[in-house]
N, C-alpha and C. Protein backbone atom coordinates (compact mmCIF):
# COMPACT_ATOMS: atom_id res chain seq x y z
N MET A 1 -93.02 -41.11 -3.32
CA MET A 1 -93.80 -41.07 -4.53
C MET A 1 -95.28 -40.84 -4.23
N LYS A 2 -95.78 -41.50 -3.18
CA LYS A 2 -97.18 -41.34 -2.81
C LYS A 2 -97.46 -39.90 -2.37
N ILE A 3 -96.49 -39.29 -1.71
CA ILE A 3 -96.66 -37.91 -1.25
C ILE A 3 -96.83 -36.98 -2.45
N PHE A 4 -96.01 -37.16 -3.49
CA PHE A 4 -96.12 -36.32 -4.68
C PHE A 4 -97.48 -36.51 -5.36
N ALA A 5 -97.94 -37.75 -5.41
CA ALA A 5 -99.24 -38.03 -6.02
C ALA A 5 -100.36 -37.35 -5.23
N LEU A 6 -100.28 -37.42 -3.90
CA LEU A 6 -101.28 -36.76 -3.06
C LEU A 6 -101.25 -35.25 -3.24
N LEU A 7 -100.05 -34.67 -3.27
CA LEU A 7 -99.93 -33.22 -3.47
C LEU A 7 -100.50 -32.82 -4.82
N PHE A 8 -100.21 -33.60 -5.84
CA PHE A 8 -100.70 -33.30 -7.18
C PHE A 8 -102.24 -33.36 -7.21
N LEU A 9 -102.80 -34.41 -6.62
CA LEU A 9 -104.25 -34.55 -6.60
C LEU A 9 -104.92 -33.46 -5.77
N SER A 10 -104.31 -33.07 -4.66
CA SER A 10 -104.89 -32.01 -3.85
C SER A 10 -104.82 -30.67 -4.59
N ALA A 11 -103.76 -30.44 -5.35
CA ALA A 11 -103.66 -29.22 -6.16
C ALA A 11 -104.75 -29.19 -7.23
N LEU A 12 -105.00 -30.34 -7.84
CA LEU A 12 -106.07 -30.42 -8.84
C LEU A 12 -107.42 -30.16 -8.20
N PHE A 13 -107.64 -30.71 -7.01
CA PHE A 13 -108.91 -30.52 -6.31
C PHE A 13 -109.12 -29.05 -5.98
N VAL A 14 -108.10 -28.39 -5.44
CA VAL A 14 -108.20 -26.97 -5.10
C VAL A 14 -108.50 -26.16 -6.35
N SER A 15 -107.83 -26.45 -7.47
CA SER A 15 -108.08 -25.73 -8.71
C SER A 15 -109.51 -25.94 -9.19
N SER A 16 -110.00 -27.16 -9.09
CA SER A 16 -111.36 -27.43 -9.57
C SER A 16 -112.40 -26.76 -8.67
N VAL A 17 -112.12 -26.65 -7.37
CA VAL A 17 -113.05 -25.99 -6.48
C VAL A 17 -113.15 -24.51 -6.85
N HIS A 18 -112.00 -23.85 -7.11
CA HIS A 18 -112.01 -22.45 -7.49
C HIS A 18 -112.68 -22.24 -8.84
N ALA A 19 -112.51 -23.17 -9.77
CA ALA A 19 -113.10 -23.02 -11.09
C ALA A 19 -114.62 -23.00 -11.00
N GLU A 20 -115.16 -23.60 -9.96
CA GLU A 20 -116.60 -23.62 -9.79
C GLU A 20 -117.15 -22.32 -9.22
N ILE A 21 -116.30 -21.48 -8.69
CA ILE A 21 -116.76 -20.22 -8.12
C ILE A 21 -116.81 -19.17 -9.23
N ARG A 22 -118.01 -18.63 -9.45
CA ARG A 22 -118.23 -17.66 -10.52
C ARG A 22 -118.33 -16.26 -9.91
N VAL A 23 -117.49 -15.36 -10.42
CA VAL A 23 -117.40 -14.01 -9.89
C VAL A 23 -117.70 -13.00 -11.00
N ALA A 24 -118.57 -12.06 -10.70
CA ALA A 24 -118.83 -10.94 -11.62
C ALA A 24 -118.15 -9.70 -11.05
N VAL A 25 -117.36 -9.05 -11.89
CA VAL A 25 -116.66 -7.84 -11.48
C VAL A 25 -117.34 -6.66 -12.18
N LEU A 26 -117.90 -5.76 -11.40
CA LEU A 26 -118.55 -4.58 -11.97
C LEU A 26 -117.50 -3.51 -12.30
N ASP A 27 -117.89 -2.57 -13.16
CA ASP A 27 -117.01 -1.44 -13.45
C ASP A 27 -116.75 -0.68 -12.17
N PHE A 28 -115.51 -0.28 -11.96
CA PHE A 28 -115.16 0.53 -10.79
C PHE A 28 -115.59 1.97 -11.04
N GLU A 29 -116.00 2.64 -9.97
CA GLU A 29 -116.33 4.06 -10.10
C GLU A 29 -115.22 4.89 -9.46
N LEU A 30 -115.10 6.11 -9.91
CA LEU A 30 -114.10 7.03 -9.38
C LEU A 30 -114.77 8.01 -8.45
N LYS A 31 -114.24 8.10 -7.24
CA LYS A 31 -114.67 9.13 -6.30
C LYS A 31 -113.43 9.99 -6.04
N ASP A 32 -113.31 11.05 -6.80
CA ASP A 32 -112.14 11.92 -6.77
C ASP A 32 -112.51 13.20 -6.03
N VAL A 33 -111.96 13.37 -4.84
CA VAL A 33 -112.26 14.56 -4.03
C VAL A 33 -111.07 15.50 -3.95
N THR A 34 -110.18 15.42 -4.94
CA THR A 34 -109.04 16.34 -5.00
C THR A 34 -109.51 17.69 -5.53
N LEU A 35 -108.60 18.66 -5.55
CA LEU A 35 -108.95 19.99 -6.03
C LEU A 35 -109.21 20.03 -7.53
N LEU A 36 -108.65 19.07 -8.27
CA LEU A 36 -108.90 18.94 -9.71
C LEU A 36 -109.47 17.55 -9.98
N PRO A 37 -110.75 17.35 -9.68
CA PRO A 37 -111.33 16.00 -9.77
C PRO A 37 -111.56 15.53 -11.21
N ASN A 38 -111.58 14.20 -11.33
CA ASN A 38 -111.97 13.51 -12.57
C ASN A 38 -111.12 13.89 -13.78
N ARG A 39 -109.84 13.99 -13.55
CA ARG A 39 -108.93 14.26 -14.67
C ARG A 39 -108.91 13.04 -15.60
N PRO A 40 -108.64 13.26 -16.88
CA PRO A 40 -108.66 12.13 -17.84
C PRO A 40 -107.78 10.96 -17.44
N GLU A 41 -106.60 11.22 -16.89
CA GLU A 41 -105.72 10.12 -16.50
C GLU A 41 -106.30 9.30 -15.34
N GLU A 42 -107.09 9.95 -14.46
CA GLU A 42 -107.73 9.20 -13.37
C GLU A 42 -108.93 8.40 -13.87
N LEU A 43 -109.63 8.95 -14.83
CA LEU A 43 -110.73 8.21 -15.44
C LEU A 43 -110.20 6.98 -16.17
N GLU A 44 -109.07 7.15 -16.87
CA GLU A 44 -108.44 6.01 -17.57
C GLU A 44 -107.97 4.97 -16.57
N ARG A 45 -107.35 5.44 -15.49
CA ARG A 45 -106.87 4.53 -14.44
C ARG A 45 -108.04 3.72 -13.87
N THR A 46 -109.14 4.40 -13.59
CA THR A 46 -110.30 3.74 -13.01
C THR A 46 -110.86 2.69 -13.98
N THR A 47 -110.92 3.03 -15.24
CA THR A 47 -111.42 2.09 -16.25
C THR A 47 -110.52 0.87 -16.37
N SER A 48 -109.23 1.03 -16.10
CA SER A 48 -108.29 -0.10 -16.23
C SER A 48 -108.41 -1.13 -15.11
N ILE A 49 -109.03 -0.76 -14.01
CA ILE A 49 -109.04 -1.64 -12.83
C ILE A 49 -109.85 -2.91 -13.08
N LYS A 50 -111.03 -2.80 -13.65
CA LYS A 50 -111.88 -3.98 -13.86
C LYS A 50 -111.18 -5.06 -14.68
N PRO A 51 -110.62 -4.74 -15.86
CA PRO A 51 -109.96 -5.82 -16.62
C PRO A 51 -108.72 -6.37 -15.92
N LEU A 52 -108.00 -5.52 -15.20
CA LEU A 52 -106.83 -6.00 -14.45
C LEU A 52 -107.28 -6.97 -13.36
N LEU A 53 -108.33 -6.60 -12.64
CA LEU A 53 -108.83 -7.45 -11.55
C LEU A 53 -109.39 -8.76 -12.10
N ALA A 54 -110.13 -8.68 -13.19
CA ALA A 54 -110.68 -9.90 -13.81
C ALA A 54 -109.55 -10.86 -14.19
N ALA A 55 -108.49 -10.33 -14.76
CA ALA A 55 -107.35 -11.16 -15.16
C ALA A 55 -106.69 -11.81 -13.94
N GLU A 56 -106.53 -11.05 -12.87
CA GLU A 56 -105.91 -11.59 -11.65
C GLU A 56 -106.79 -12.67 -11.02
N LEU A 57 -108.10 -12.46 -11.01
CA LEU A 57 -109.00 -13.46 -10.45
C LEU A 57 -108.99 -14.73 -11.29
N LYS A 58 -108.90 -14.58 -12.61
CA LYS A 58 -108.81 -15.76 -13.48
C LYS A 58 -107.54 -16.54 -13.19
N LYS A 59 -106.43 -15.82 -12.95
CA LYS A 59 -105.16 -16.49 -12.60
C LYS A 59 -105.32 -17.31 -11.33
N SER A 60 -106.19 -16.85 -10.42
CA SER A 60 -106.42 -17.56 -9.16
C SER A 60 -107.36 -18.74 -9.33
N GLY A 61 -107.91 -18.91 -10.54
CA GLY A 61 -108.76 -20.06 -10.80
C GLY A 61 -110.25 -19.79 -10.75
N PHE A 62 -110.65 -18.56 -10.54
CA PHE A 62 -112.07 -18.24 -10.52
C PHE A 62 -112.59 -18.05 -11.94
N THR A 63 -113.86 -18.35 -12.14
CA THR A 63 -114.51 -18.05 -13.41
C THR A 63 -115.06 -16.64 -13.30
N VAL A 64 -114.63 -15.77 -14.20
CA VAL A 64 -115.06 -14.37 -14.16
C VAL A 64 -116.11 -14.15 -15.23
N LEU A 65 -117.25 -13.62 -14.81
CA LEU A 65 -118.38 -13.40 -15.70
C LEU A 65 -118.56 -11.91 -15.98
N ALA A 66 -119.03 -11.62 -17.17
CA ALA A 66 -119.25 -10.23 -17.57
C ALA A 66 -120.69 -9.82 -17.26
N VAL A 67 -120.82 -8.62 -16.71
CA VAL A 67 -122.13 -8.02 -16.48
C VAL A 67 -122.32 -6.97 -17.57
N ASP A 68 -123.47 -6.97 -18.17
CA ASP A 68 -123.78 -6.00 -19.21
C ASP A 68 -123.63 -4.57 -18.67
N ALA A 69 -122.84 -3.75 -19.38
CA ALA A 69 -122.57 -2.38 -18.94
C ALA A 69 -123.85 -1.56 -18.84
N LEU A 70 -124.78 -1.77 -19.75
CA LEU A 70 -126.04 -1.04 -19.72
C LEU A 70 -126.87 -1.44 -18.50
N ALA A 71 -126.88 -2.73 -18.19
CA ALA A 71 -127.61 -3.20 -17.00
C ALA A 71 -127.02 -2.58 -15.74
N GLN A 72 -125.68 -2.49 -15.68
CA GLN A 72 -125.05 -1.86 -14.51
C GLN A 72 -125.42 -0.38 -14.43
N LYS A 73 -125.38 0.32 -15.56
CA LYS A 73 -125.73 1.75 -15.58
C LYS A 73 -127.17 1.96 -15.12
N MET A 74 -128.06 1.09 -15.57
CA MET A 74 -129.48 1.23 -15.19
C MET A 74 -129.69 0.95 -13.71
N ALA A 75 -128.88 0.06 -13.13
CA ALA A 75 -129.02 -0.28 -11.71
C ALA A 75 -128.44 0.82 -10.81
N GLU A 76 -127.49 1.57 -11.33
CA GLU A 76 -126.90 2.66 -10.56
C GLU A 76 -127.90 3.81 -10.49
N MET A 77 -128.17 4.22 -9.29
CA MET A 77 -129.11 5.34 -9.13
C MET A 77 -128.38 6.56 -8.60
N GLY A 78 -127.13 6.64 -8.92
CA GLY A 78 -126.31 7.75 -8.46
C GLY A 78 -124.97 7.23 -7.98
N GLU A 79 -124.07 8.15 -7.74
CA GLU A 79 -122.72 7.78 -7.31
C GLU A 79 -122.77 6.97 -6.02
N GLY A 80 -122.10 5.84 -6.05
CA GLY A 80 -121.98 5.00 -4.86
C GLY A 80 -123.18 4.12 -4.57
N TYR A 81 -124.20 4.15 -5.42
CA TYR A 81 -125.42 3.40 -5.13
C TYR A 81 -125.16 1.90 -5.01
N LEU A 82 -124.50 1.32 -6.00
CA LEU A 82 -124.23 -0.12 -5.96
C LEU A 82 -123.26 -0.46 -4.84
N PHE A 83 -122.35 0.46 -4.56
CA PHE A 83 -121.39 0.26 -3.48
C PHE A 83 -122.10 0.17 -2.13
N ASP A 84 -123.19 0.90 -2.01
CA ASP A 84 -123.94 0.95 -0.75
C ASP A 84 -125.14 0.02 -0.70
N HIS A 85 -125.48 -0.62 -1.83
CA HIS A 85 -126.67 -1.48 -1.89
C HIS A 85 -126.29 -2.86 -2.42
N ALA A 86 -125.83 -3.69 -1.51
CA ALA A 86 -125.37 -5.05 -1.87
C ALA A 86 -126.49 -5.85 -2.54
N ASP A 87 -127.71 -5.64 -2.10
CA ASP A 87 -128.83 -6.41 -2.66
C ASP A 87 -129.04 -6.11 -4.14
N VAL A 88 -128.84 -4.87 -4.54
CA VAL A 88 -129.00 -4.49 -5.95
C VAL A 88 -127.83 -5.05 -6.76
N ALA A 89 -126.62 -4.96 -6.21
CA ALA A 89 -125.45 -5.54 -6.88
C ALA A 89 -125.63 -7.05 -7.06
N ALA A 90 -126.21 -7.69 -6.05
CA ALA A 90 -126.44 -9.14 -6.13
C ALA A 90 -127.39 -9.48 -7.28
N GLN A 91 -128.35 -8.64 -7.54
CA GLN A 91 -129.28 -8.89 -8.66
C GLN A 91 -128.54 -8.88 -10.00
N LEU A 92 -127.55 -7.99 -10.14
CA LEU A 92 -126.73 -7.98 -11.36
C LEU A 92 -125.96 -9.29 -11.49
N GLY A 93 -125.45 -9.78 -10.37
CA GLY A 93 -124.73 -11.06 -10.38
C GLY A 93 -125.65 -12.22 -10.68
N LYS A 94 -126.85 -12.17 -10.14
CA LYS A 94 -127.83 -13.24 -10.37
C LYS A 94 -128.17 -13.35 -11.86
N ALA A 95 -128.21 -12.22 -12.54
CA ALA A 95 -128.55 -12.21 -13.98
C ALA A 95 -127.52 -12.95 -14.83
N VAL A 96 -126.29 -13.07 -14.32
CA VAL A 96 -125.24 -13.78 -15.08
C VAL A 96 -124.82 -15.08 -14.39
N SER A 97 -125.60 -15.52 -13.41
CA SER A 97 -125.36 -16.76 -12.66
C SER A 97 -124.03 -16.74 -11.89
N ALA A 98 -123.70 -15.61 -11.33
CA ALA A 98 -122.49 -15.48 -10.52
C ALA A 98 -122.76 -15.94 -9.09
N ASP A 99 -121.70 -16.36 -8.42
CA ASP A 99 -121.79 -16.68 -7.00
C ASP A 99 -121.50 -15.44 -6.15
N TYR A 100 -120.60 -14.59 -6.67
CA TYR A 100 -120.19 -13.37 -5.98
C TYR A 100 -120.12 -12.22 -6.98
N VAL A 101 -120.33 -11.01 -6.47
CA VAL A 101 -120.16 -9.80 -7.26
C VAL A 101 -119.15 -8.92 -6.53
N ILE A 102 -118.25 -8.34 -7.31
CA ILE A 102 -117.29 -7.38 -6.76
C ILE A 102 -117.70 -5.99 -7.22
N VAL A 103 -118.01 -5.14 -6.25
CA VAL A 103 -118.38 -3.75 -6.53
C VAL A 103 -117.19 -2.90 -6.08
N GLY A 104 -116.66 -2.09 -6.99
CA GLY A 104 -115.44 -1.38 -6.65
C GLY A 104 -115.48 0.12 -6.85
N ARG A 105 -114.57 0.76 -6.15
CA ARG A 105 -114.43 2.22 -6.22
C ARG A 105 -112.96 2.57 -6.09
N LEU A 106 -112.54 3.55 -6.86
CA LEU A 106 -111.22 4.16 -6.67
C LEU A 106 -111.49 5.48 -5.96
N HIS A 107 -111.11 5.53 -4.69
CA HIS A 107 -111.32 6.73 -3.88
C HIS A 107 -110.02 7.51 -3.86
N LYS A 108 -110.06 8.73 -4.38
CA LYS A 108 -108.85 9.54 -4.51
C LYS A 108 -108.99 10.81 -3.67
N PRO A 109 -108.48 10.78 -2.43
CA PRO A 109 -108.55 11.97 -1.58
C PRO A 109 -107.36 12.92 -1.76
N SER A 110 -106.34 12.47 -2.50
CA SER A 110 -105.11 13.24 -2.63
C SER A 110 -104.46 12.94 -3.97
N PHE A 111 -103.56 13.85 -4.39
CA PHE A 111 -102.80 13.59 -5.60
C PHE A 111 -101.70 12.56 -5.36
N LEU A 112 -101.40 12.27 -4.11
CA LEU A 112 -100.29 11.38 -3.77
C LEU A 112 -100.69 9.92 -3.65
N PHE A 113 -101.93 9.65 -3.36
CA PHE A 113 -102.36 8.27 -3.17
C PHE A 113 -103.85 8.14 -3.44
N ALA A 114 -104.28 6.90 -3.57
CA ALA A 114 -105.70 6.59 -3.74
C ALA A 114 -105.97 5.26 -3.04
N TYR A 115 -107.22 5.00 -2.79
CA TYR A 115 -107.63 3.74 -2.18
C TYR A 115 -108.45 2.94 -3.18
N LEU A 116 -108.08 1.68 -3.33
CA LEU A 116 -108.91 0.74 -4.08
C LEU A 116 -109.85 0.11 -3.07
N LEU A 117 -111.13 0.30 -3.25
CA LEU A 117 -112.13 -0.25 -2.35
C LEU A 117 -112.95 -1.29 -3.09
N ALA A 118 -113.23 -2.39 -2.45
CA ALA A 118 -114.03 -3.43 -3.08
C ALA A 118 -114.99 -4.03 -2.06
N GLU A 119 -116.23 -4.14 -2.46
CA GLU A 119 -117.25 -4.81 -1.67
C GLU A 119 -117.47 -6.18 -2.31
N VAL A 120 -117.36 -7.23 -1.52
CA VAL A 120 -117.58 -8.59 -1.99
C VAL A 120 -118.99 -8.99 -1.55
N VAL A 121 -119.85 -9.24 -2.54
CA VAL A 121 -121.26 -9.53 -2.27
C VAL A 121 -121.57 -10.96 -2.68
N GLU A 122 -122.18 -11.70 -1.77
CA GLU A 122 -122.64 -13.05 -2.10
C GLU A 122 -124.00 -12.91 -2.80
N VAL A 123 -124.09 -13.46 -4.00
CA VAL A 123 -125.30 -13.31 -4.80
C VAL A 123 -126.49 -14.02 -4.17
N LYS A 124 -126.30 -15.24 -3.70
CA LYS A 124 -127.40 -16.04 -3.16
C LYS A 124 -128.13 -15.33 -2.02
N SER A 125 -127.37 -14.76 -1.10
CA SER A 125 -127.97 -14.10 0.06
C SER A 125 -128.21 -12.61 -0.16
N GLY A 126 -127.49 -12.03 -1.13
CA GLY A 126 -127.58 -10.58 -1.35
C GLY A 126 -126.87 -9.79 -0.27
N LYS A 127 -126.03 -10.46 0.50
CA LYS A 127 -125.35 -9.83 1.63
C LYS A 127 -123.89 -9.52 1.33
N LEU A 128 -123.40 -8.50 2.00
CA LEU A 128 -122.00 -8.12 1.92
C LEU A 128 -121.18 -9.14 2.70
N VAL A 129 -120.19 -9.75 2.01
CA VAL A 129 -119.33 -10.75 2.64
C VAL A 129 -118.09 -10.09 3.23
N ASP A 130 -117.55 -9.12 2.51
CA ASP A 130 -116.33 -8.45 2.96
C ASP A 130 -116.22 -7.08 2.32
N SER A 131 -115.60 -6.18 3.03
CA SER A 131 -115.33 -4.84 2.54
C SER A 131 -113.82 -4.67 2.60
N LEU A 132 -113.20 -4.51 1.43
CA LEU A 132 -111.75 -4.51 1.33
C LEU A 132 -111.22 -3.15 0.91
N SER A 133 -110.02 -2.84 1.37
CA SER A 133 -109.40 -1.56 1.05
C SER A 133 -107.90 -1.76 0.87
N LEU A 134 -107.36 -1.05 -0.09
CA LEU A 134 -105.93 -1.14 -0.37
C LEU A 134 -105.43 0.22 -0.82
N GLU A 135 -104.34 0.68 -0.24
CA GLU A 135 -103.78 1.98 -0.62
C GLU A 135 -102.81 1.82 -1.79
N ALA A 136 -102.92 2.73 -2.76
CA ALA A 136 -101.99 2.77 -3.89
C ALA A 136 -101.33 4.15 -3.88
N LYS A 137 -100.03 4.15 -3.68
CA LYS A 137 -99.29 5.42 -3.64
C LYS A 137 -98.73 5.72 -5.02
N GLY A 138 -99.23 6.79 -5.63
CA GLY A 138 -98.81 7.16 -6.97
C GLY A 138 -99.86 6.74 -7.98
N GLY A 139 -99.73 7.26 -9.19
CA GLY A 139 -100.73 6.98 -10.21
C GLY A 139 -100.20 6.20 -11.39
N GLU A 140 -98.95 5.73 -11.31
CA GLU A 140 -98.36 5.01 -12.43
C GLU A 140 -99.10 3.70 -12.67
N LYS A 141 -99.07 3.24 -13.92
CA LYS A 141 -99.77 2.01 -14.28
C LYS A 141 -99.27 0.81 -13.50
N LYS A 142 -97.95 0.74 -13.27
CA LYS A 142 -97.42 -0.42 -12.55
C LYS A 142 -97.86 -0.41 -11.09
N VAL A 143 -98.03 0.77 -10.51
CA VAL A 143 -98.52 0.88 -9.13
C VAL A 143 -99.96 0.38 -9.06
N THR A 144 -100.76 0.80 -10.03
CA THR A 144 -102.16 0.36 -10.07
C THR A 144 -102.24 -1.14 -10.26
N ALA A 145 -101.45 -1.68 -11.18
CA ALA A 145 -101.46 -3.13 -11.44
C ALA A 145 -101.05 -3.91 -10.20
N LYS A 146 -100.06 -3.42 -9.48
CA LYS A 146 -99.60 -4.10 -8.27
C LYS A 146 -100.69 -4.05 -7.18
N ALA A 147 -101.34 -2.90 -7.05
CA ALA A 147 -102.42 -2.76 -6.07
C ALA A 147 -103.60 -3.67 -6.42
N VAL A 148 -103.93 -3.78 -7.70
CA VAL A 148 -105.02 -4.64 -8.13
C VAL A 148 -104.69 -6.11 -7.85
N ALA A 149 -103.44 -6.50 -8.09
CA ALA A 149 -103.02 -7.88 -7.80
C ALA A 149 -103.18 -8.18 -6.30
N ALA A 150 -102.80 -7.22 -5.46
CA ALA A 150 -102.94 -7.41 -4.02
C ALA A 150 -104.42 -7.46 -3.62
N LEU A 151 -105.25 -6.65 -4.28
CA LEU A 151 -106.68 -6.67 -4.02
C LEU A 151 -107.27 -8.02 -4.41
N ALA A 152 -106.83 -8.57 -5.53
CA ALA A 152 -107.30 -9.89 -5.97
C ALA A 152 -106.96 -10.95 -4.93
N GLU A 153 -105.79 -10.85 -4.32
CA GLU A 153 -105.42 -11.81 -3.26
C GLU A 153 -106.37 -11.69 -2.07
N LYS A 154 -106.72 -10.45 -1.71
CA LYS A 154 -107.66 -10.24 -0.60
C LYS A 154 -109.04 -10.81 -0.94
N ILE A 155 -109.47 -10.60 -2.17
CA ILE A 155 -110.76 -11.14 -2.60
C ILE A 155 -110.72 -12.66 -2.56
N HIS A 156 -109.64 -13.22 -3.04
CA HIS A 156 -109.46 -14.67 -3.01
C HIS A 156 -109.60 -15.21 -1.59
N SER A 157 -108.97 -14.54 -0.65
CA SER A 157 -109.05 -14.95 0.76
C SER A 157 -110.46 -14.85 1.30
N SER A 158 -111.21 -13.87 0.82
CA SER A 158 -112.58 -13.65 1.30
C SER A 158 -113.56 -14.71 0.81
N ILE A 159 -113.35 -15.20 -0.42
CA ILE A 159 -114.37 -16.08 -0.98
C ILE A 159 -113.90 -17.49 -1.25
N GLN A 160 -112.68 -17.80 -0.88
CA GLN A 160 -112.23 -19.18 -1.10
C GLN A 160 -113.02 -20.12 -0.20
N PRO A 161 -113.25 -21.32 -0.67
CA PRO A 161 -114.01 -22.28 0.14
C PRO A 161 -113.30 -22.55 1.47
N LYS A 162 -114.07 -22.57 2.51
CA LYS A 162 -113.53 -22.85 3.85
C LYS A 162 -113.45 -24.36 4.04
N PRO A 163 -112.31 -24.87 4.57
CA PRO A 163 -112.19 -26.33 4.77
C PRO A 163 -113.11 -26.84 5.85
C-alpha cells in the first residue's frame, strides 16, 4: 500500500514540475526545395504543425504559451532568421514569460519525405539547448501527426527537469 502511495505522489510531483515549464511554440516555416515548391498542400501541412505540437506538449504536462503572430513576423528578417538566431527567438519567448521557445521548420527536399526540424531555445540564456530532426515519409495527415508526436517526445526529453 505504501508503494502505491509513493508512486502516486511521485507521479503528481512529476506532473507539477512539468506544469511549471512554460513553452512557446512559434509558427513553423516551410523550406521546400522540390521542383514544385510551396504547393498549397505543403503550406497547409506546415501550418498544421504548430497546433499539433502544442497539443502534444500539453499532453506531456507543459504549459504552452501563444506568441503573437505579428510579433513573430516582425522578428523574422527573412527565411530561416529565427531558426538561425536563438537570441531573437528567446526575446519572443521572454515577451510571453516562456521558459523555452520552439522554433521549427518543415524542410522538404523531396516529394517522398520531409524533415521536421526544431530548435529548442532556453529563454533565460538565449541559447540553443537542442537541435532536433525527425523524418516524415509521405505527406498524409496521419504521417505528419505521428511525426509531430515523436518530435514532442524529443522536445520533452530535451527540456524535462534533470534529477
